Amino acid sequence: MVKRNYGVHDSKKTKDTDESVRLTLARNLTELLEARHISRRELAKRTGDSHATISRAASGDRAVSVCVLARIASALRVPADRLVSPR
């Protein structure tokens, strides 16, 4: 009998993907903020999120929720995929 693991994910692969997305977001967000001369504090005010949340996103320390990502994209007037797509 063949045993199949449907729905089971390779945790290393998932961890690597998560890290890649976090670092891509950090790089793209930092580039946009610098190009537009917007501070992390100003972005936090525009999104309604804490400065710590924005700083973690911009440094790649933590993943952000889809809701936070959407607020950041809206505040910067860019599509959300612009923040998480490799350039």
C-alpha atoms as a PDB file:
ATOM      1  CA  MET A   1       0.000   0.000   0.000  1.00  0.00           C
ATOM      2  CA  VAL A   2       1.293   3.449  -0.958  1.00  0.00           C
ATOM      3  CA  LYS A   3       1.062   6.022   1.775  1.00  0.00           C
ATOM      4  CA  ARG A   4       0.479   9.596   0.576  1.00  0.00           C
ATOM      5  CA  ASN A   5       0.834  12.750   2.622  1.00  0.00           C
ATOM      6  CA  TYR A   6      -1.693  15.055   1.041  1.00  0.00           C
ATOM      7  CA  GLY A   7      -1.599  18.523   2.537  1.00  0.00           C
ATOM      8  CA  VAL A   8       1.696  17.951   4.329  1.00  0.00           C
ATOM      9  CA  HIS A   9       4.280  20.600   3.533  1.00  0.00           C
ATOM     10  CA  ASP A  10       8.018  20.434   3.659  1.00  0.00           C
ATOM     11  CA  SER A  11       8.726  22.738   6.609  1.00  0.00           C
ATOM     12  CA  LYS A  12      12.227  23.705   5.375  1.00  0.00           C
ATOM     13  CA  LYS A  13      10.855  24.663   1.969  1.00  0.00           C
ATOM     14  CA  THR A  14       8.054  26.692   3.573  1.00  0.00           C
ATOM     15  CA  LYS A  15      10.519  28.399   5.931  1.00  0.00           C
ATOM     16  CA  ASP A  16      12.823  29.282   3.006  1.00  0.00           C
ATOM     17  CA  THR A  17       9.877  30.686   1.020  1.00  0.00           C
ATOM     18  CA  ASP A  18       8.663  32.725   3.989  1.00  0.00           C
ATOM     19  CA  GLU A  19      12.144  34.177   4.487  1.00  0.00           C
ATOM     20  CA  SER A  20      12.458  34.978   0.788  1.00  0.00           C
ATOM     21  CA  VAL A  21       9.127  36.835   0.764  1.00  0.00           C
ATOM     22  CA  ARG A  22      10.036  38.750   3.951  1.00  0.00           C
ATOM     23  CA  LEU A  23      13.379  39.834   2.519  1.00  0.00           C
ATOM     24  CA  THR A  24      11.833  40.809  -0.820  1.00  0.00           C
ATOM     25  CA  LEU A  25       9.215  42.890   0.992  1.00  0.00           C
ATOM     26  CA  ALA A  26      11.929  44.524   3.091  1.00  0.00           C
ATOM     27  CA  ARG A  27      14.019  45.425   0.046  1.00  0.00           C
ATOM     28  CA  ASN A  28      11.100  46.718  -2.030  1.00  0.00           C
ATOM     29  CA  LEU A  29       9.557  48.653   0.847  1.00  0.00           C
ATOM     30  CA  THR A  30      12.872  50.286   1.743  1.00  0.00           C
ATOM     31  CA  GLU A  31      13.471  51.265  -1.892  1.00  0.00           C
ATOM     32  CA  LEU A  32       9.987  52.808  -2.185  1.00  0.00           C
ATOM     33  CA  LEU A  33      10.328  54.716   1.075  1.00  0.00           C
ATOM     34  CA  GLU A  34      13.723  56.101   0.082  1.00  0.00           C
ATOM     35  CA  ALA A  35      12.598  57.025  -3.438  1.00  0.00           C
ATOM     36  CA  ARG A  36       9.561  58.869  -2.052  1.00  0.00           C
ATOM     37  CA  HIS A  37      11.379  60.406   0.928  1.00  0.00           C
ATOM     38  CA  ILE A  38       8.930  58.842   3.363  1.00  0.00           C
ATOM     39  CA  SER A  39      10.078  57.774   6.824  1.00  0.00           C
ATOM     40  CA  ARG A  40       8.927  54.609   8.531  1.00  0.00           C
ATOM     41  CA  ARG A  41       7.160  56.775  11.118  1.00  0.00           C
ATOM     42  CA  GLU A  42       5.295  58.644   8.388  1.00  0.00           C
ATOM     43  CA  LEU A  43       4.245  55.371   6.756  1.00  0.00           C
ATOM     44  CA  ALA A  44       3.034  54.121  10.142  1.00  0.00           C
ATOM     45  CA  LYS A  45       0.866  57.242  10.476  1.00  0.00           C
ATOM     46  CA  ARG A  46      -0.520  56.758   6.968  1.00  0.00           C
ATOM     47  CA  THR A  47      -1.386  53.103   7.534  1.00  0.00           C
ATOM     48  CA  GLY A  48      -2.511  53.333  11.140  1.00  0.00           C
ATOM     49  CA  ASP A  49      -0.040  50.618  12.083  1.00  0.00           C
ATOM     50  CA  SER A  50       2.633  50.943  14.740  1.00  0.00           C
ATOM     51  CA  HIS A  51       6.126  52.152  13.934  1.00  0.00           C
ATOM     52  CA  ALA A  52       7.379  48.773  15.187  1.00  0.00           C
ATOM     53  CA  THR A  53       5.218  46.892  12.657  1.00  0.00           C
ATOM     54  CA  ILE A  54       6.506  49.011   9.777  1.00  0.00           C
ATOM     55  CA  SER A  55      10.106  48.716  10.999  1.00  0.00           C
ATOM     56  CA  ARG A  56       9.851  44.927  11.228  1.00  0.00           C
ATOM     57  CA  ALA A  57       8.457  44.781   7.694  1.00  0.00           C
ATOM     58  CA  ALA A  58      11.174  47.100   6.362  1.00  0.00           C
ATOM     59  CA  SER A  59      13.941  45.139   8.057  1.00  0.00           C
ATOM     60  CA  GLY A  60      12.607  41.700   7.129  1.00  0.00           C
ATOM     61  CA  ASP A  61      12.514  40.623  10.773  1.00  0.00           C
ATOM     62  CA  ARG A  62       8.901  39.480  10.696  1.00  0.00           C
ATOM     63  CA  ALA A  63       6.243  38.597   8.207  1.00  0.00           C
ATOM     64  CA  VAL A  64       3.279  40.958   7.996  1.00  0.00           C
ATOM     65  CA  SER A  65      -0.338  40.003   7.587  1.00  0.00           C
ATOM     66  CA  VAL A  66      -2.132  40.422   4.294  1.00  0.00           C
ATOM     67  CA  CYS A  67      -4.116  43.255   5.900  1.00  0.00           C
ATOM     68  CA  VAL A  68      -0.943  45.148   6.856  1.00  0.00           C
ATOM     69  CA  LEU A  69       0.492  44.527   3.404  1.00  0.00           C
ATOM     70  CA  ALA A  70      -2.677  45.935   1.830  1.00  0.00           C
ATOM     71  CA  ARG A  71      -2.546  49.057   4.022  1.00  0.00           C
ATOM     72  CA  ILE A  72       1.120  49.637   3.154  1.00  0.00           C
ATOM     73  CA  ALA A  73       0.409  49.225  -0.553  1.00  0.00           C
ATOM     74  CA  SER A  74      -2.553  51.593  -0.334  1.00  0.00           C
ATOM     75  CA  ALA A  75      -0.562  54.220   1.567  1.00  0.00           C
ATOM     76  CA  LEU A  76       2.217  54.058  -1.030  1.00  0.00           C
ATOM     77  CA  ARG A  77      -0.279  53.874  -3.901  1.00  0.00           C
ATOM     78  CA  VAL A  78       1.212  50.738  -5.399  1.00  0.00           C
ATOM     79  CA  PRO A  79      -0.272  47.287  -6.047  1.00  0.00           C
ATOM     80  CA  ALA A  80       0.510  44.848  -3.227  1.00  0.00           C
ATOM     81  CA  ASP A  81       2.421  42.586  -5.605  1.00  0.00           C
ATOM     82  CA  ARG A  82       4.874  45.455  -6.181  1.00  0.00           C
ATOM     83  CA  LEU A  83       5.943  44.989  -2.574  1.00  0.00           C
ATOM     84  CA  VAL A  84       6.425  41.211  -2.621  1.00  0.00           C
ATOM     85  CA  SER A  85       7.572  40.527  -6.196  1.00  0.00           C
ATOM     86  CA  PRO A  86      11.294  40.131  -6.822  1.00  0.00           C
ATOM     87  CA  ARG A  87      12.801  42.964  -8.856  1.00  0.00           C
END
